[in-house]
mmCIF file of all heavy atoms, coordinates in Angstrom:
data_MODEL
# 
_entry.id   MODEL 
# 
loop_
_atom_site.group_PDB 
_atom_site.id 
_atom_site.type_symbol 
_atom_site.label_atom_id 
_atom_site.label_alt_id 
_atom_site.label_comp_id 
_atom_site.label_asym_id 
_atom_site.label_entity_id 
_atom_site.label_seq_id 
_atom_site.pdbx_PDB_ins_code 
_atom_site.Cartn_x 
_atom_site.Cartn_y 
_atom_site.Cartn_z 
_atom_site.occupancy 
_atom_site.B_iso_or_equiv 
_atom_site.pdbx_formal_charge 
_atom_site.auth_seq_id 
_atom_site.auth_comp_id 
_atom_site.auth_asym_id 
_atom_site.auth_atom_id 
_atom_site.pdbx_PDB_model_num 
ATOM 1   N N   . ARG A 1 1  ? 6.880   -13.709 7.561   1.00 0.00 ? 1  ARG A N   1 
ATOM 2   C CA  . ARG A 1 1  ? 7.532   -12.442 7.197   1.00 0.00 ? 1  ARG A CA  1 
ATOM 3   C C   . ARG A 1 1  ? 6.818   -11.800 6.015   1.00 0.00 ? 1  ARG A C   1 
ATOM 4   O O   . ARG A 1 1  ? 6.536   -10.594 6.017   1.00 0.00 ? 1  ARG A O   1 
ATOM 5   C CB  . ARG A 1 1  ? 9.004   -12.683 6.852   1.00 0.00 ? 1  ARG A CB  1 
ATOM 6   C CG  . ARG A 1 1  ? 9.739   -11.411 6.413   1.00 0.00 ? 1  ARG A CG  1 
ATOM 7   C CD  . ARG A 1 1  ? 11.178  -11.682 6.033   1.00 0.00 ? 1  ARG A CD  1 
ATOM 8   N NE  . ARG A 1 1  ? 11.355  -12.726 5.050   1.00 0.00 ? 1  ARG A NE  1 
ATOM 9   C CZ  . ARG A 1 1  ? 11.204  -12.552 3.711   1.00 0.00 ? 1  ARG A CZ  1 
ATOM 10  N NH1 . ARG A 1 1  ? 10.851  -11.381 3.235   1.00 0.00 ? 1  ARG A NH1 1 
ATOM 11  N NH2 . ARG A 1 1  ? 11.417  -13.550 2.883   1.00 0.00 ? 1  ARG A NH2 1 
ATOM 12  N N   . LEU A 1 2  ? 6.492   -12.603 5.001   1.00 0.00 ? 2  LEU A N   1 
ATOM 13  C CA  . LEU A 1 2  ? 5.811   -12.069 3.824   1.00 0.00 ? 2  LEU A CA  1 
ATOM 14  C C   . LEU A 1 2  ? 4.422   -11.545 4.166   1.00 0.00 ? 2  LEU A C   1 
ATOM 15  O O   . LEU A 1 2  ? 3.990   -10.515 3.635   1.00 0.00 ? 2  LEU A O   1 
ATOM 16  C CB  . LEU A 1 2  ? 5.725   -13.141 2.737   1.00 0.00 ? 2  LEU A CB  1 
ATOM 17  C CG  . LEU A 1 2  ? 7.044   -13.510 2.067   1.00 0.00 ? 2  LEU A CG  1 
ATOM 18  C CD1 . LEU A 1 2  ? 6.872   -14.770 1.230   1.00 0.00 ? 2  LEU A CD1 1 
ATOM 19  C CD2 . LEU A 1 2  ? 7.570   -12.367 1.234   1.00 0.00 ? 2  LEU A CD2 1 
ATOM 20  N N   . GLU A 1 3  ? 3.712   -12.227 5.051   1.00 0.00 ? 3  GLU A N   1 
ATOM 21  C CA  . GLU A 1 3  ? 2.388   -11.750 5.469   1.00 0.00 ? 3  GLU A CA  1 
ATOM 22  C C   . GLU A 1 3  ? 2.494   -10.426 6.213   1.00 0.00 ? 3  GLU A C   1 
ATOM 23  O O   . GLU A 1 3  ? 1.657   -9.537  6.028   1.00 0.00 ? 3  GLU A O   1 
ATOM 24  C CB  . GLU A 1 3  ? 1.691   -12.797 6.321   1.00 0.00 ? 3  GLU A CB  1 
ATOM 25  C CG  . GLU A 1 3  ? 1.182   -13.977 5.517   1.00 0.00 ? 3  GLU A CG  1 
ATOM 26  C CD  . GLU A 1 3  ? 0.578   -15.079 6.366   1.00 0.00 ? 3  GLU A CD  1 
ATOM 27  O OE1 . GLU A 1 3  ? 0.828   -15.095 7.590   1.00 0.00 ? 3  GLU A OE1 1 
ATOM 28  O OE2 . GLU A 1 3  ? -0.128  -15.916 5.789   1.00 0.00 ? 3  GLU A OE2 1 
ATOM 29  N N   . ALA A 1 4  ? 3.517   -10.297 7.047   1.00 0.00 ? 4  ALA A N   1 
ATOM 30  C CA  . ALA A 1 4  ? 3.714   -9.032  7.764   1.00 0.00 ? 4  ALA A CA  1 
ATOM 31  C C   . ALA A 1 4  ? 4.040   -7.899  6.793   1.00 0.00 ? 4  ALA A C   1 
ATOM 32  O O   . ALA A 1 4  ? 3.509   -6.781  6.923   1.00 0.00 ? 4  ALA A O   1 
ATOM 33  C CB  . ALA A 1 4  ? 4.826   -9.187  8.797   1.00 0.00 ? 4  ALA A CB  1 
ATOM 34  N N   . GLU A 1 5  ? 4.908   -8.191  5.813   1.00 0.00 ? 5  GLU A N   1 
ATOM 35  C CA  . GLU A 1 5  ? 5.236   -7.168  4.814   1.00 0.00 ? 5  GLU A CA  1 
ATOM 36  C C   . GLU A 1 5  ? 3.993   -6.791  4.002   1.00 0.00 ? 5  GLU A C   1 
ATOM 37  O O   . GLU A 1 5  ? 3.750   -5.616  3.738   1.00 0.00 ? 5  GLU A O   1 
ATOM 38  C CB  . GLU A 1 5  ? 6.330   -7.675  3.880   1.00 0.00 ? 5  GLU A CB  1 
ATOM 39  C CG  . GLU A 1 5  ? 7.686   -7.799  4.531   1.00 0.00 ? 5  GLU A CG  1 
ATOM 40  C CD  . GLU A 1 5  ? 8.716   -8.440  3.623   1.00 0.00 ? 5  GLU A CD  1 
ATOM 41  O OE1 . GLU A 1 5  ? 8.400   -8.735  2.446   1.00 0.00 ? 5  GLU A OE1 1 
ATOM 42  O OE2 . GLU A 1 5  ? 9.846   -8.644  4.086   1.00 0.00 ? 5  GLU A OE2 1 
ATOM 43  N N   . ARG A 1 6  ? 3.224   -7.808  3.610   1.00 0.00 ? 6  ARG A N   1 
ATOM 44  C CA  . ARG A 1 6  ? 2.013   -7.555  2.828   1.00 0.00 ? 6  ARG A CA  1 
ATOM 45  C C   . ARG A 1 6  ? 1.027   -6.712  3.631   1.00 0.00 ? 6  ARG A C   1 
ATOM 46  O O   . ARG A 1 6  ? 0.400   -5.795  3.100   1.00 0.00 ? 6  ARG A O   1 
ATOM 47  C CB  . ARG A 1 6  ? 1.384   -8.877  2.417   1.00 0.00 ? 6  ARG A CB  1 
ATOM 48  C CG  . ARG A 1 6  ? 0.166   -8.707  1.532   1.00 0.00 ? 6  ARG A CG  1 
ATOM 49  C CD  . ARG A 1 6  ? -0.390  -10.013 1.075   1.00 0.00 ? 6  ARG A CD  1 
ATOM 50  N NE  . ARG A 1 6  ? -0.838  -10.795 2.225   1.00 0.00 ? 6  ARG A NE  1 
ATOM 51  C CZ  . ARG A 1 6  ? -1.348  -12.006 2.145   1.00 0.00 ? 6  ARG A CZ  1 
ATOM 52  N NH1 . ARG A 1 6  ? -1.456  -12.600 0.970   1.00 0.00 ? 6  ARG A NH1 1 
ATOM 53  N NH2 . ARG A 1 6  ? -1.746  -12.648 3.214   1.00 0.00 ? 6  ARG A NH2 1 
ATOM 54  N N   . HIS A 1 7  ? 0.903   -6.992  4.931   1.00 0.00 ? 7  HIS A N   1 
ATOM 55  C CA  . HIS A 1 7  ? 0.012   -6.200  5.787   1.00 0.00 ? 7  HIS A CA  1 
ATOM 56  C C   . HIS A 1 7  ? 0.487   -4.752  5.856   1.00 0.00 ? 7  HIS A C   1 
ATOM 57  O O   . HIS A 1 7  ? -0.325  -3.815  5.805   1.00 0.00 ? 7  HIS A O   1 
ATOM 58  C CB  . HIS A 1 7  ? -0.063  -6.808  7.181   1.00 0.00 ? 7  HIS A CB  1 
ATOM 59  C CG  . HIS A 1 7  ? -0.910  -6.012  8.115   1.00 0.00 ? 7  HIS A CG  1 
ATOM 60  N ND1 . HIS A 1 7  ? -2.287  -5.949  8.010   1.00 0.00 ? 7  HIS A ND1 1 
ATOM 61  C CD2 . HIS A 1 7  ? -0.571  -5.209  9.162   1.00 0.00 ? 7  HIS A CD2 1 
ATOM 62  C CE1 . HIS A 1 7  ? -2.753  -5.142  8.944   1.00 0.00 ? 7  HIS A CE1 1 
ATOM 63  N NE2 . HIS A 1 7  ? -1.741  -4.684  9.658   1.00 0.00 ? 7  HIS A NE2 1 
ATOM 64  N N   . GLY A 1 8  ? 1.801   -4.554  5.985   1.00 0.00 ? 8  GLY A N   1 
ATOM 65  C CA  . GLY A 1 8  ? 2.339   -3.195  6.023   1.00 0.00 ? 8  GLY A CA  1 
ATOM 66  C C   . GLY A 1 8  ? 2.027   -2.420  4.747   1.00 0.00 ? 8  GLY A C   1 
ATOM 67  O O   . GLY A 1 8  ? 1.642   -1.242  4.791   1.00 0.00 ? 8  GLY A O   1 
ATOM 68  N N   . TYR A 1 9  ? 2.197   -3.091  3.603   1.00 0.00 ? 9  TYR A N   1 
ATOM 69  C CA  . TYR A 1 9  ? 1.851   -2.446  2.334   1.00 0.00 ? 9  TYR A CA  1 
ATOM 70  C C   . TYR A 1 9  ? 0.350   -2.171  2.256   1.00 0.00 ? 9  TYR A C   1 
ATOM 71  O O   . TYR A 1 9  ? -0.074  -1.147  1.718   1.00 0.00 ? 9  TYR A O   1 
ATOM 72  C CB  . TYR A 1 9  ? 2.273   -3.312  1.152   1.00 0.00 ? 9  TYR A CB  1 
ATOM 73  C CG  . TYR A 1 9  ? 3.760   -3.271  0.878   1.00 0.00 ? 9  TYR A CG  1 
ATOM 74  C CD1 . TYR A 1 9  ? 4.524   -4.417  0.935   1.00 0.00 ? 9  TYR A CD1 1 
ATOM 75  C CD2 . TYR A 1 9  ? 4.391   -2.080  0.530   1.00 0.00 ? 9  TYR A CD2 1 
ATOM 76  C CE1 . TYR A 1 9  ? 5.877   -4.388  0.678   1.00 0.00 ? 9  TYR A CE1 1 
ATOM 77  C CE2 . TYR A 1 9  ? 5.748   -2.032  0.275   1.00 0.00 ? 9  TYR A CE2 1 
ATOM 78  C CZ  . TYR A 1 9  ? 6.486   -3.190  0.344   1.00 0.00 ? 9  TYR A CZ  1 
ATOM 79  O OH  . TYR A 1 9  ? 7.835   -3.142  0.091   1.00 0.00 ? 9  TYR A OH  1 
ATOM 80  N N   . SER A 1 10 ? -0.454  -3.064  2.796   1.00 0.00 ? 10 SER A N   1 
ATOM 81  C CA  . SER A 1 10 ? -1.904  -2.891  2.777   1.00 0.00 ? 10 SER A CA  1 
ATOM 82  C C   . SER A 1 10 ? -2.321  -1.665  3.584   1.00 0.00 ? 10 SER A C   1 
ATOM 83  O O   . SER A 1 10 ? -3.190  -0.885  3.154   1.00 0.00 ? 10 SER A O   1 
ATOM 84  C CB  . SER A 1 10 ? -2.584  -4.145  3.322   1.00 0.00 ? 10 SER A CB  1 
ATOM 85  O OG  . SER A 1 10 ? -3.965  -3.969  3.421   1.00 0.00 ? 10 SER A OG  1 
ATOM 86  N N   . VAL A 1 11 ? -1.713  -1.497  4.743   1.00 0.00 ? 11 VAL A N   1 
ATOM 87  C CA  . VAL A 1 11 ? -2.020  -0.332  5.582   1.00 0.00 ? 11 VAL A CA  1 
ATOM 88  C C   . VAL A 1 11 ? -1.609  0.948   4.870   1.00 0.00 ? 11 VAL A C   1 
ATOM 89  O O   . VAL A 1 11 ? -2.361  1.935   4.839   1.00 0.00 ? 11 VAL A O   1 
ATOM 90  C CB  . VAL A 1 11 ? -1.327  -0.460  6.956   1.00 0.00 ? 11 VAL A CB  1 
ATOM 91  C CG1 . VAL A 1 11 ? -1.402  0.833   7.737   1.00 0.00 ? 11 VAL A CG1 1 
ATOM 92  C CG2 . VAL A 1 11 ? -1.926  -1.612  7.740   1.00 0.00 ? 11 VAL A CG2 1 
ATOM 93  N N   . THR A 1 12 ? -0.420  0.939   4.269   1.00 0.00 ? 12 THR A N   1 
ATOM 94  C CA  . THR A 1 12 ? 0.045   2.118   3.530   1.00 0.00 ? 12 THR A CA  1 
ATOM 95  C C   . THR A 1 12 ? -0.870  2.404   2.345   1.00 0.00 ? 12 THR A C   1 
ATOM 96  O O   . THR A 1 12 ? -1.201  3.554   2.063   1.00 0.00 ? 12 THR A O   1 
ATOM 97  C CB  . THR A 1 12 ? 1.494   1.912   3.051   1.00 0.00 ? 12 THR A CB  1 
ATOM 98  O OG1 . THR A 1 12 ? 2.309   1.586   4.171   1.00 0.00 ? 12 THR A OG1 1 
ATOM 99  C CG2 . THR A 1 12 ? 2.042   3.163   2.389   1.00 0.00 ? 12 THR A CG2 1 
ATOM 100 N N   . PHE A 1 13 ? -1.290  1.345   1.655   1.00 0.00 ? 13 PHE A N   1 
ATOM 101 C CA  . PHE A 1 13 ? -2.195  1.478   0.515   1.00 0.00 ? 13 PHE A CA  1 
ATOM 102 C C   . PHE A 1 13 ? -3.508  2.128   0.951   1.00 0.00 ? 13 PHE A C   1 
ATOM 103 O O   . PHE A 1 13 ? -4.023  3.024   0.275   1.00 0.00 ? 13 PHE A O   1 
ATOM 104 C CB  . PHE A 1 13 ? -2.450  0.100   -0.098  1.00 0.00 ? 13 PHE A CB  1 
ATOM 105 C CG  . PHE A 1 13 ? -3.321  0.120   -1.312  1.00 0.00 ? 13 PHE A CG  1 
ATOM 106 C CD1 . PHE A 1 13 ? -2.776  0.349   -2.563  1.00 0.00 ? 13 PHE A CD1 1 
ATOM 107 C CD2 . PHE A 1 13 ? -4.686  -0.105  -1.216  1.00 0.00 ? 13 PHE A CD2 1 
ATOM 108 C CE1 . PHE A 1 13 ? -3.574  0.358   -3.698  1.00 0.00 ? 13 PHE A CE1 1 
ATOM 109 C CE2 . PHE A 1 13 ? -5.493  -0.108  -2.335  1.00 0.00 ? 13 PHE A CE2 1 
ATOM 110 C CZ  . PHE A 1 13 ? -4.938  0.133   -3.589  1.00 0.00 ? 13 PHE A CZ  1 
ATOM 111 N N   . ALA A 1 14 ? -4.043  1.678   2.082   1.00 0.00 ? 14 ALA A N   1 
ATOM 112 C CA  . ALA A 1 14 ? -5.306  2.227   2.576   1.00 0.00 ? 14 ALA A CA  1 
ATOM 113 C C   . ALA A 1 14 ? -5.180  3.697   2.964   1.00 0.00 ? 14 ALA A C   1 
ATOM 114 O O   . ALA A 1 14 ? -6.148  4.456   2.858   1.00 0.00 ? 14 ALA A O   1 
ATOM 115 C CB  . ALA A 1 14 ? -5.796  1.416   3.770   1.00 0.00 ? 14 ALA A CB  1 
ATOM 116 N N   . ASN A 1 15 ? -3.990  4.114   3.393   1.00 0.00 ? 15 ASN A N   1 
ATOM 117 C CA  . ASN A 1 15 ? -3.782  5.497   3.817   1.00 0.00 ? 15 ASN A CA  1 
ATOM 118 C C   . ASN A 1 15 ? -3.269  6.402   2.704   1.00 0.00 ? 15 ASN A C   1 
ATOM 119 O O   . ASN A 1 15 ? -2.988  7.573   2.945   1.00 0.00 ? 15 ASN A O   1 
ATOM 120 C CB  . ASN A 1 15 ? -2.812  5.544   4.998   1.00 0.00 ? 15 ASN A CB  1 
ATOM 121 C CG  . ASN A 1 15 ? -3.402  4.908   6.233   1.00 0.00 ? 15 ASN A CG  1 
ATOM 122 O OD1 . ASN A 1 15 ? -4.597  4.982   6.472   1.00 0.00 ? 15 ASN A OD1 1 
ATOM 123 N ND2 . ASN A 1 15 ? -2.563  4.241   7.011   1.00 0.00 ? 15 ASN A ND2 1 
ATOM 124 N N   . THR A 1 16 ? -3.134  5.865   1.499   1.00 0.00 ? 16 THR A N   1 
ATOM 125 C CA  . THR A 1 16 ? -2.660  6.659   0.366   1.00 0.00 ? 16 THR A CA  1 
ATOM 126 C C   . THR A 1 16 ? -3.868  7.230   -0.381  1.00 0.00 ? 16 THR A C   1 
ATOM 127 O O   . THR A 1 16 ? -4.856  6.534   -0.601  1.00 0.00 ? 16 THR A O   1 
ATOM 128 C CB  . THR A 1 16 ? -1.827  5.775   -0.596  1.00 0.00 ? 16 THR A CB  1 
ATOM 129 O OG1 . THR A 1 16 ? -0.745  5.214   0.128   1.00 0.00 ? 16 THR A OG1 1 
ATOM 130 C CG2 . THR A 1 16 ? -1.279  6.585   -1.756  1.00 0.00 ? 16 THR A CG2 1 
ATOM 131 N N   . ALA A 1 17 ? -3.744  8.474   -0.743  1.00 0.00 ? 17 ALA A N   1 
ATOM 132 C CA  . ALA A 1 17 ? -4.853  9.145   -1.444  1.00 0.00 ? 17 ALA A CA  1 
ATOM 133 C C   . ALA A 1 17 ? -5.123  8.454   -2.776  1.00 0.00 ? 17 ALA A C   1 
ATOM 134 O O   . ALA A 1 17 ? -4.201  8.002   -3.461  1.00 0.00 ? 17 ALA A O   1 
ATOM 135 C CB  . ALA A 1 17 ? -4.500  10.606  -1.683  1.00 0.00 ? 17 ALA A CB  1 
ATOM 136 N N   . GLU A 1 18 ? -6.393  8.381   -3.151  1.00 0.00 ? 18 GLU A N   1 
ATOM 137 C CA  . GLU A 1 18 ? -6.776  7.740   -4.414  1.00 0.00 ? 18 GLU A CA  1 
ATOM 138 C C   . GLU A 1 18 ? -6.224  8.477   -5.621  1.00 0.00 ? 18 GLU A C   1 
ATOM 139 O O   . GLU A 1 18 ? -6.063  7.893   -6.687  1.00 0.00 ? 18 GLU A O   1 
ATOM 140 C CB  . GLU A 1 18 ? -8.294  7.614   -4.498  1.00 0.00 ? 18 GLU A CB  1 
ATOM 141 C CG  . GLU A 1 18 ? -8.851  6.590   -3.544  1.00 0.00 ? 18 GLU A CG  1 
ATOM 142 C CD  . GLU A 1 18 ? -10.342 6.374   -3.744  1.00 0.00 ? 18 GLU A CD  1 
ATOM 143 O OE1 . GLU A 1 18 ? -10.840 6.585   -4.873  1.00 0.00 ? 18 GLU A OE1 1 
ATOM 144 O OE2 . GLU A 1 18 ? -10.989 5.982   -2.774  1.00 0.00 ? 18 GLU A OE2 1 
ATOM 145 N N   . SER A 1 19 ? -5.927  9.751   -5.457  1.00 0.00 ? 19 SER A N   1 
ATOM 146 C CA  . SER A 1 19 ? -5.380  10.526  -6.574  1.00 0.00 ? 19 SER A CA  1 
ATOM 147 C C   . SER A 1 19 ? -3.912  10.177  -6.852  1.00 0.00 ? 19 SER A C   1 
ATOM 148 O O   . SER A 1 19 ? -3.401  10.465  -7.932  1.00 0.00 ? 19 SER A O   1 
ATOM 149 C CB  . SER A 1 19 ? -5.511  12.026  -6.288  1.00 0.00 ? 19 SER A CB  1 
ATOM 150 O OG  . SER A 1 19 ? -4.800  12.349  -5.102  1.00 0.00 ? 19 SER A OG  1 
ATOM 151 N N   . ASP A 1 20 ? -3.230  9.553   -5.911  1.00 0.00 ? 20 ASP A N   1 
ATOM 152 C CA  . ASP A 1 20 ? -1.821  9.163   -6.081  1.00 0.00 ? 20 ASP A CA  1 
ATOM 153 C C   . ASP A 1 20 ? -1.762  7.757   -6.694  1.00 0.00 ? 20 ASP A C   1 
ATOM 154 O O   . ASP A 1 20 ? -1.441  6.771   -6.040  1.00 0.00 ? 20 ASP A O   1 
ATOM 155 C CB  . ASP A 1 20 ? -1.108  9.200   -4.725  1.00 0.00 ? 20 ASP A CB  1 
ATOM 156 C CG  . ASP A 1 20 ? 0.392   9.064   -4.859  1.00 0.00 ? 20 ASP A CG  1 
ATOM 157 O OD1 . ASP A 1 20 ? 0.890   8.910   -5.994  1.00 0.00 ? 20 ASP A OD1 1 
ATOM 158 O OD2 . ASP A 1 20 ? 1.072   9.090   -3.818  1.00 0.00 ? 20 ASP A OD2 1 
ATOM 159 N N   . THR A 1 21 ? -2.078  7.688   -7.967  1.00 0.00 ? 21 THR A N   1 
ATOM 160 C CA  . THR A 1 21 ? -2.199  6.393   -8.639  1.00 0.00 ? 21 THR A CA  1 
ATOM 161 C C   . THR A 1 21 ? -0.869  5.660   -8.779  1.00 0.00 ? 21 THR A C   1 
ATOM 162 O O   . THR A 1 21 ? -0.835  4.428   -8.744  1.00 0.00 ? 21 THR A O   1 
ATOM 163 C CB  . THR A 1 21 ? -2.839  6.564   -10.024 1.00 0.00 ? 21 THR A CB  1 
ATOM 164 O OG1 . THR A 1 21 ? -2.045  7.471   -10.787 1.00 0.00 ? 21 THR A OG1 1 
ATOM 165 C CG2 . THR A 1 21 ? -4.257  7.077   -9.910  1.00 0.00 ? 21 THR A CG2 1 
ATOM 166 N N   . VAL A 1 22 ? 0.216   6.391   -8.917  1.00 0.00 ? 22 VAL A N   1 
ATOM 167 C CA  . VAL A 1 22 ? 1.528   5.751   -9.087  1.00 0.00 ? 22 VAL A CA  1 
ATOM 168 C C   . VAL A 1 22 ? 1.924   5.002   -7.815  1.00 0.00 ? 22 VAL A C   1 
ATOM 169 O O   . VAL A 1 22 ? 2.327   3.833   -7.859  1.00 0.00 ? 22 VAL A O   1 
ATOM 170 C CB  . VAL A 1 22 ? 2.601   6.801   -9.472  1.00 0.00 ? 22 VAL A CB  1 
ATOM 171 C CG1 . VAL A 1 22 ? 3.984   6.176   -9.497  1.00 0.00 ? 22 VAL A CG1 1 
ATOM 172 C CG2 . VAL A 1 22 ? 2.273   7.433   -10.808 1.00 0.00 ? 22 VAL A CG2 1 
ATOM 173 N N   . THR A 1 23 ? 1.787   5.658   -6.686  1.00 0.00 ? 23 THR A N   1 
ATOM 174 C CA  . THR A 1 23 ? 2.129   5.025   -5.412  1.00 0.00 ? 23 THR A CA  1 
ATOM 175 C C   . THR A 1 23 ? 1.208   3.841   -5.136  1.00 0.00 ? 23 THR A C   1 
ATOM 176 O O   . THR A 1 23 ? 1.663   2.767   -4.724  1.00 0.00 ? 23 THR A O   1 
ATOM 177 C CB  . THR A 1 23 ? 2.046   6.049   -4.263  1.00 0.00 ? 23 THR A CB  1 
ATOM 178 O OG1 . THR A 1 23 ? 2.911   7.136   -4.557  1.00 0.00 ? 23 THR A OG1 1 
ATOM 179 C CG2 . THR A 1 23 ? 2.435   5.416   -2.947  1.00 0.00 ? 23 THR A CG2 1 
ATOM 180 N N   . ARG A 1 24 ? -0.092  4.033   -5.393  1.00 0.00 ? 24 ARG A N   1 
ATOM 181 C CA  . ARG A 1 24 ? -1.036  2.944   -5.155  1.00 0.00 ? 24 ARG A CA  1 
ATOM 182 C C   . ARG A 1 24 ? -0.737  1.748   -6.056  1.00 0.00 ? 24 ARG A C   1 
ATOM 183 O O   . ARG A 1 24 ? -0.820  0.596   -5.622  1.00 0.00 ? 24 ARG A O   1 
ATOM 184 C CB  . ARG A 1 24 ? -2.470  3.435   -5.349  1.00 0.00 ? 24 ARG A CB  1 
ATOM 185 C CG  . ARG A 1 24 ? -2.928  4.361   -4.226  1.00 0.00 ? 24 ARG A CG  1 
ATOM 186 C CD  . ARG A 1 24 ? -4.309  4.924   -4.472  1.00 0.00 ? 24 ARG A CD  1 
ATOM 187 N NE  . ARG A 1 24 ? -5.369  3.929   -4.402  1.00 0.00 ? 24 ARG A NE  1 
ATOM 188 C CZ  . ARG A 1 24 ? -5.994  3.573   -3.289  1.00 0.00 ? 24 ARG A CZ  1 
ATOM 189 N NH1 . ARG A 1 24 ? -5.663  4.143   -2.146  1.00 0.00 ? 24 ARG A NH1 1 
ATOM 190 N NH2 . ARG A 1 24 ? -6.956  2.677   -3.320  1.00 0.00 ? 24 ARG A NH2 1 
ATOM 191 N N   . ALA A 1 25 ? -0.370  2.002   -7.303  1.00 0.00 ? 25 ALA A N   1 
ATOM 192 C CA  . ALA A 1 25 ? -0.040  0.912   -8.224  1.00 0.00 ? 25 ALA A CA  1 
ATOM 193 C C   . ALA A 1 25 ? 1.207   0.168   -7.747  1.00 0.00 ? 25 ALA A C   1 
ATOM 194 O O   . ALA A 1 25 ? 1.270   -1.064  -7.797  1.00 0.00 ? 25 ALA A O   1 
ATOM 195 C CB  . ALA A 1 25 ? 0.169   1.448   -9.634  1.00 0.00 ? 25 ALA A CB  1 
ATOM 196 N N   . HIS A 1 26 ? 2.190   0.918   -7.277  1.00 0.00 ? 26 HIS A N   1 
ATOM 197 C CA  . HIS A 1 26 ? 3.408   0.288   -6.763  1.00 0.00 ? 26 HIS A CA  1 
ATOM 198 C C   . HIS A 1 26 ? 3.108   -0.565  -5.525  1.00 0.00 ? 26 HIS A C   1 
ATOM 199 O O   . HIS A 1 26 ? 3.587   -1.706  -5.414  1.00 0.00 ? 26 HIS A O   1 
ATOM 200 C CB  . HIS A 1 26 ? 4.452   1.352   -6.423  1.00 0.00 ? 26 HIS A CB  1 
ATOM 201 C CG  . HIS A 1 26 ? 5.672   0.801   -5.764  1.00 0.00 ? 26 HIS A CG  1 
ATOM 202 N ND1 . HIS A 1 26 ? 6.604   0.049   -6.430  1.00 0.00 ? 26 HIS A ND1 1 
ATOM 203 C CD2 . HIS A 1 26 ? 6.090   0.875   -4.476  1.00 0.00 ? 26 HIS A CD2 1 
ATOM 204 C CE1 . HIS A 1 26 ? 7.548   -0.323  -5.577  1.00 0.00 ? 26 HIS A CE1 1 
ATOM 205 N NE2 . HIS A 1 26 ? 7.267   0.169   -4.393  1.00 0.00 ? 26 HIS A NE2 1 
ATOM 206 N N   . LEU A 1 27 ? 2.324   -0.032  -4.619  1.00 0.00 ? 27 LEU A N   1 
ATOM 207 C CA  . LEU A 1 27 ? 1.965   -0.786  -3.414  1.00 0.00 ? 27 LEU A CA  1 
ATOM 208 C C   . LEU A 1 27 ? 1.166   -2.039  -3.757  1.00 0.00 ? 27 LEU A C   1 
ATOM 209 O O   . LEU A 1 27 ? 1.398   -3.110  -3.185  1.00 0.00 ? 27 LEU A O   1 
ATOM 210 C CB  . LEU A 1 27 ? 1.176   0.106   -2.445  1.00 0.00 ? 27 LEU A CB  1 
ATOM 211 C CG  . LEU A 1 27 ? 1.967   1.254   -1.811  1.00 0.00 ? 27 LEU A CG  1 
ATOM 212 C CD1 . LEU A 1 27 ? 1.011   2.208   -1.104  1.00 0.00 ? 27 LEU A CD1 1 
ATOM 213 C CD2 . LEU A 1 27 ? 3.003   0.706   -0.849  1.00 0.00 ? 27 LEU A CD2 1 
# 
């Protein structure tokens, strides 16, 4: 379950703009 959640966050992180530092830091 944790690996699946981590993968989901990883995908979201990869699709988040580099200028959105707050979201990227949270992810």
